[in-house]
Amino acid sequence: QVQLVESGGGLVQAGGSLRLSCAASGSIFSINAMGWYRQTPGKQRELVATITSGGSTNYANSVKGRFTISRDNAKNTVYLQMNSLKPEDTAVYYCNAHETRWDRRWLEYDYWGQGTQVTVSS
């Protein structure tokens, strides 16, 4: 079992910056990758950025060059540094952890945080 707790959301003006944090606890040894997703009412949840246990990163085209995902292994925490924020970035941001376990076969499962609201004003 993995628990994820996000923090750092809030209200910011366009062009401003915000840093989101996601603290993981539980069976973190089985986590292969973590990431950030966001969702706006009426739209599907979309991938923002991911980072694997090996350090490989992936970003949505809409945030590439503006957002940076990183991790602090000692604190079991993943971060999302968001710069040059736009009103279109307004959404609830969710932390995700992808687990792979062996139980006579490989099992995969996704854990989600409670979400943190990010609002960017014009």
C-alpha atoms as a PDB file:
ATOM      1  CA  GLN A   1       0.000   0.000   0.000  1.00  0.00           C
ATOM      2  CA  VAL A   2       1.212   3.467  -0.938  1.00  0.00           C
ATOM      3  CA  GLN A   3      -0.071   6.774   0.370  1.00  0.00           C
ATOM      4  CA  LEU A   4       0.466  10.055  -1.463  1.00  0.00           C
ATOM      5  CA  VAL A   5      -0.054  13.536  -0.049  1.00  0.00           C
ATOM      6  CA  GLU A   6       0.184  16.615  -2.271  1.00  0.00           C
ATOM      7  CA  SER A   7       0.812  20.183  -1.192  1.00  0.00           C
ATOM      8  CA  GLY A   8       1.835  23.521  -2.648  1.00  0.00           C
ATOM      9  CA  GLY A   9      -1.197  24.464  -4.694  1.00  0.00           C
ATOM     10  CA  GLY A  10      -2.688  27.919  -4.583  1.00  0.00           C
ATOM     11  CA  LEU A  11      -3.537  31.084  -6.471  1.00  0.00           C
ATOM     12  CA  VAL A  12      -0.911  32.765  -8.621  1.00  0.00           C
ATOM     13  CA  GLN A  13      -0.856  35.411 -11.333  1.00  0.00           C
ATOM     14  CA  ALA A  14      -0.050  34.550 -14.929  1.00  0.00           C
ATOM     15  CA  GLY A  15       3.694  34.402 -15.388  1.00  0.00           C
ATOM     16  CA  GLY A  16       4.258  33.411 -11.794  1.00  0.00           C
ATOM     17  CA  SER A  17       5.683  30.245 -10.303  1.00  0.00           C
ATOM     18  CA  LEU A  18       4.538  27.514  -7.964  1.00  0.00           C
ATOM     19  CA  ARG A  19       6.110  24.332  -6.627  1.00  0.00           C
ATOM     20  CA  LEU A  20       4.032  21.270  -5.859  1.00  0.00           C
ATOM     21  CA  SER A  21       5.210  18.541  -3.508  1.00  0.00           C
ATOM     22  CA  CYS A  22       4.093  14.939  -3.165  1.00  0.00           C
ATOM     23  CA  ALA A  23       5.217  12.885  -0.188  1.00  0.00           C
ATOM     24  CA  ALA A  24       5.016   9.109  -0.557  1.00  0.00           C
ATOM     25  CA  SER A  25       4.798   6.598   2.262  1.00  0.00           C
ATOM     26  CA  GLY A  26       4.135   2.890   2.628  1.00  0.00           C
ATOM     27  CA  SER A  27       5.518   0.244   0.286  1.00  0.00           C
ATOM     28  CA  ILE A  28       7.539   2.722  -1.703  1.00  0.00           C
ATOM     29  CA  PHE A  29      10.118   0.094  -2.659  1.00  0.00           C
ATOM     30  CA  SER A  30       7.699  -1.213  -5.279  1.00  0.00           C
ATOM     31  CA  ILE A  31       7.188   2.146  -6.995  1.00  0.00           C
ATOM     32  CA  ASN A  32       8.637   2.237 -10.500  1.00  0.00           C
ATOM     33  CA  ALA A  33       7.586   5.723 -11.503  1.00  0.00           C
ATOM     34  CA  MET A  34       5.810   8.790 -10.197  1.00  0.00           C
ATOM     35  CA  GLY A  35       4.159  11.659 -11.936  1.00  0.00           C
ATOM     36  CA  TRP A  36       1.793  14.571 -11.956  1.00  0.00           C
ATOM     37  CA  TYR A  37      -1.550  14.678 -13.702  1.00  0.00           C
ATOM     38  CA  ARG A  38      -4.145  17.420 -13.846  1.00  0.00           C
ATOM     39  CA  GLN A  39      -7.862  17.631 -14.408  1.00  0.00           C
ATOM     40  CA  THR A  40     -10.266  20.443 -15.233  1.00  0.00           C
ATOM     41  CA  PRO A  41     -14.061  20.058 -14.951  1.00  0.00           C
ATOM     42  CA  GLY A  42     -15.375  18.624 -18.200  1.00  0.00           C
ATOM     43  CA  LYS A  43     -12.010  17.313 -19.342  1.00  0.00           C
ATOM     44  CA  GLN A  44     -10.181  14.024 -18.932  1.00  0.00           C
ATOM     45  CA  ARG A  45      -7.292  13.759 -16.538  1.00  0.00           C
ATOM     46  CA  GLU A  46      -4.112  14.424 -18.491  1.00  0.00           C
ATOM     47  CA  LEU A  47      -0.483  13.612 -17.912  1.00  0.00           C
ATOM     48  CA  VAL A  48       1.704  16.568 -16.988  1.00  0.00           C
ATOM     49  CA  ALA A  49       5.058  14.995 -16.163  1.00  0.00           C
ATOM     50  CA  THR A  50       6.527  11.686 -15.035  1.00  0.00           C
ATOM     51  CA  ILE A  51       9.812  10.516 -13.576  1.00  0.00           C
ATOM     52  CA  THR A  52      10.997   6.912 -13.364  1.00  0.00           C
ATOM     53  CA  SER A  53      13.029   5.279 -10.640  1.00  0.00           C
ATOM     54  CA  GLY A  54      15.985   5.591 -12.993  1.00  0.00           C
ATOM     55  CA  GLY A  55      15.499   9.329 -13.340  1.00  0.00           C
ATOM     56  CA  SER A  56      14.042   9.470 -16.837  1.00  0.00           C
ATOM     57  CA  THR A  57      11.508  12.258 -17.295  1.00  0.00           C
ATOM     58  CA  ASN A  58       8.635  12.862 -19.659  1.00  0.00           C
ATOM     59  CA  TYR A  59       6.535  15.996 -20.134  1.00  0.00           C
ATOM     60  CA  ALA A  60       3.363  16.976 -21.878  1.00  0.00           C
ATOM     61  CA  ASN A  61       4.084  19.248 -24.819  1.00  0.00           C
ATOM     62  CA  SER A  62       1.980  21.982 -23.240  1.00  0.00           C
ATOM     63  CA  VAL A  63       4.312  22.281 -20.232  1.00  0.00           C
ATOM     64  CA  LYS A  64       7.661  21.415 -21.786  1.00  0.00           C
ATOM     65  CA  GLY A  65      10.204  24.104 -21.016  1.00  0.00           C
ATOM     66  CA  ARG A  66       8.098  25.577 -18.222  1.00  0.00           C
ATOM     67  CA  PHE A  67       7.632  22.722 -15.739  1.00  0.00           C
ATOM     68  CA  THR A  68      10.302  20.556 -14.144  1.00  0.00           C
ATOM     69  CA  ILE A  69       9.703  17.309 -12.276  1.00  0.00           C
ATOM     70  CA  SER A  70      12.254  16.141  -9.739  1.00  0.00           C
ATOM     71  CA  ARG A  71      12.561  13.876  -6.725  1.00  0.00           C
ATOM     72  CA  ASP A  72      14.243  13.747  -3.345  1.00  0.00           C
ATOM     73  CA  ASN A  73      14.871  10.094  -2.561  1.00  0.00           C
ATOM     74  CA  ALA A  74      15.858  10.780   1.046  1.00  0.00           C
ATOM     75  CA  LYS A  75      12.479  12.396   1.684  1.00  0.00           C
ATOM     76  CA  ASN A  76      10.495  10.085  -0.622  1.00  0.00           C
ATOM     77  CA  THR A  77       9.105  13.180  -2.259  1.00  0.00           C
ATOM     78  CA  VAL A  78       8.511  14.226  -5.851  1.00  0.00           C
ATOM     79  CA  TYR A  79       8.224  17.863  -6.890  1.00  0.00           C
ATOM     80  CA  LEU A  80       6.769  19.793  -9.772  1.00  0.00           C
ATOM     81  CA  GLN A  81       8.312  23.206 -10.315  1.00  0.00           C
ATOM     82  CA  MET A  82       5.929  25.264 -12.426  1.00  0.00           C
ATOM     83  CA  ASN A  83       7.227  28.450 -14.015  1.00  0.00           C
ATOM     84  CA  SER A  84       5.686  30.907 -16.459  1.00  0.00           C
ATOM     85  CA  LEU A  85       2.244  29.762 -15.427  1.00  0.00           C
ATOM     86  CA  LYS A  86      -0.683  30.388 -17.756  1.00  0.00           C
ATOM     87  CA  PRO A  87      -4.425  30.520 -17.053  1.00  0.00           C
ATOM     88  CA  GLU A  88      -4.699  27.292 -19.064  1.00  0.00           C
ATOM     89  CA  ASP A  89      -2.671  25.581 -16.331  1.00  0.00           C
ATOM     90  CA  THR A  90      -5.544  26.044 -13.887  1.00  0.00           C
ATOM     91  CA  ALA A  91      -6.616  22.594 -12.700  1.00  0.00           C
ATOM     92  CA  VAL A  92      -6.562  20.141  -9.845  1.00  0.00           C
ATOM     93  CA  TYR A  93      -3.147  18.508  -9.850  1.00  0.00           C
ATOM     94  CA  TYR A  94      -2.848  14.892  -8.751  1.00  0.00           C
ATOM     95  CA  CYS A  95       0.250  12.999  -7.737  1.00  0.00           C
ATOM     96  CA  ASN A  96       0.544   9.486  -9.159  1.00  0.00           C
ATOM     97  CA  ALA A  97       2.667   6.495  -8.219  1.00  0.00           C
ATOM     98  CA  HIS A  98       2.939   3.421 -10.423  1.00  0.00           C
ATOM     99  CA  GLU A  99       3.524   0.136  -8.630  1.00  0.00           C
ATOM    100  CA  THR A 100       4.735  -3.159 -10.046  1.00  0.00           C
ATOM    101  CA  ARG A 101       4.452  -6.292  -7.873  1.00  0.00           C
ATOM    102  CA  TRP A 102       5.142  -9.996  -8.368  1.00  0.00           C
ATOM    103  CA  ASP A 103       2.362 -12.413  -7.336  1.00  0.00           C
ATOM    104  CA  ARG A 104       2.911 -15.427  -9.606  1.00  0.00           C
ATOM    105  CA  ARG A 105       2.599 -12.826 -12.327  1.00  0.00           C
ATOM    106  CA  TRP A 106       3.402  -9.170 -12.658  1.00  0.00           C
ATOM    107  CA  LEU A 107       0.757  -6.870 -11.254  1.00  0.00           C
ATOM    108  CA  GLU A 108       0.530  -3.151 -11.931  1.00  0.00           C
ATOM    109  CA  TYR A 109      -1.376  -0.578  -9.935  1.00  0.00           C
ATOM    110  CA  ASP A 110      -1.692   3.188  -9.794  1.00  0.00           C
ATOM    111  CA  TYR A 111      -2.000   5.174  -6.578  1.00  0.00           C
ATOM    112  CA  TRP A 112      -3.332   8.718  -6.447  1.00  0.00           C
ATOM    113  CA  GLY A 113      -3.102  11.613  -4.056  1.00  0.00           C
ATOM    114  CA  GLN A 114      -6.072  13.700  -2.995  1.00  0.00           C
ATOM    115  CA  GLY A 115      -5.250  16.508  -5.413  1.00  0.00           C
ATOM    116  CA  THR A 116      -4.228  20.120  -4.940  1.00  0.00           C
ATOM    117  CA  GLN A 117      -5.864  23.093  -6.648  1.00  0.00           C
ATOM    118  CA  VAL A 118      -3.774  25.369  -8.844  1.00  0.00           C
ATOM    119  CA  THR A 119      -5.433  28.549 -10.060  1.00  0.00           C
ATOM    120  CA  VAL A 120      -3.699  30.963 -12.421  1.00  0.00           C
ATOM    121  CA  SER A 121      -5.342  34.356 -12.842  1.00  0.00           C
ATOM    122  CA  SER A 122      -5.166  36.441 -16.026  1.00  0.00           C
END
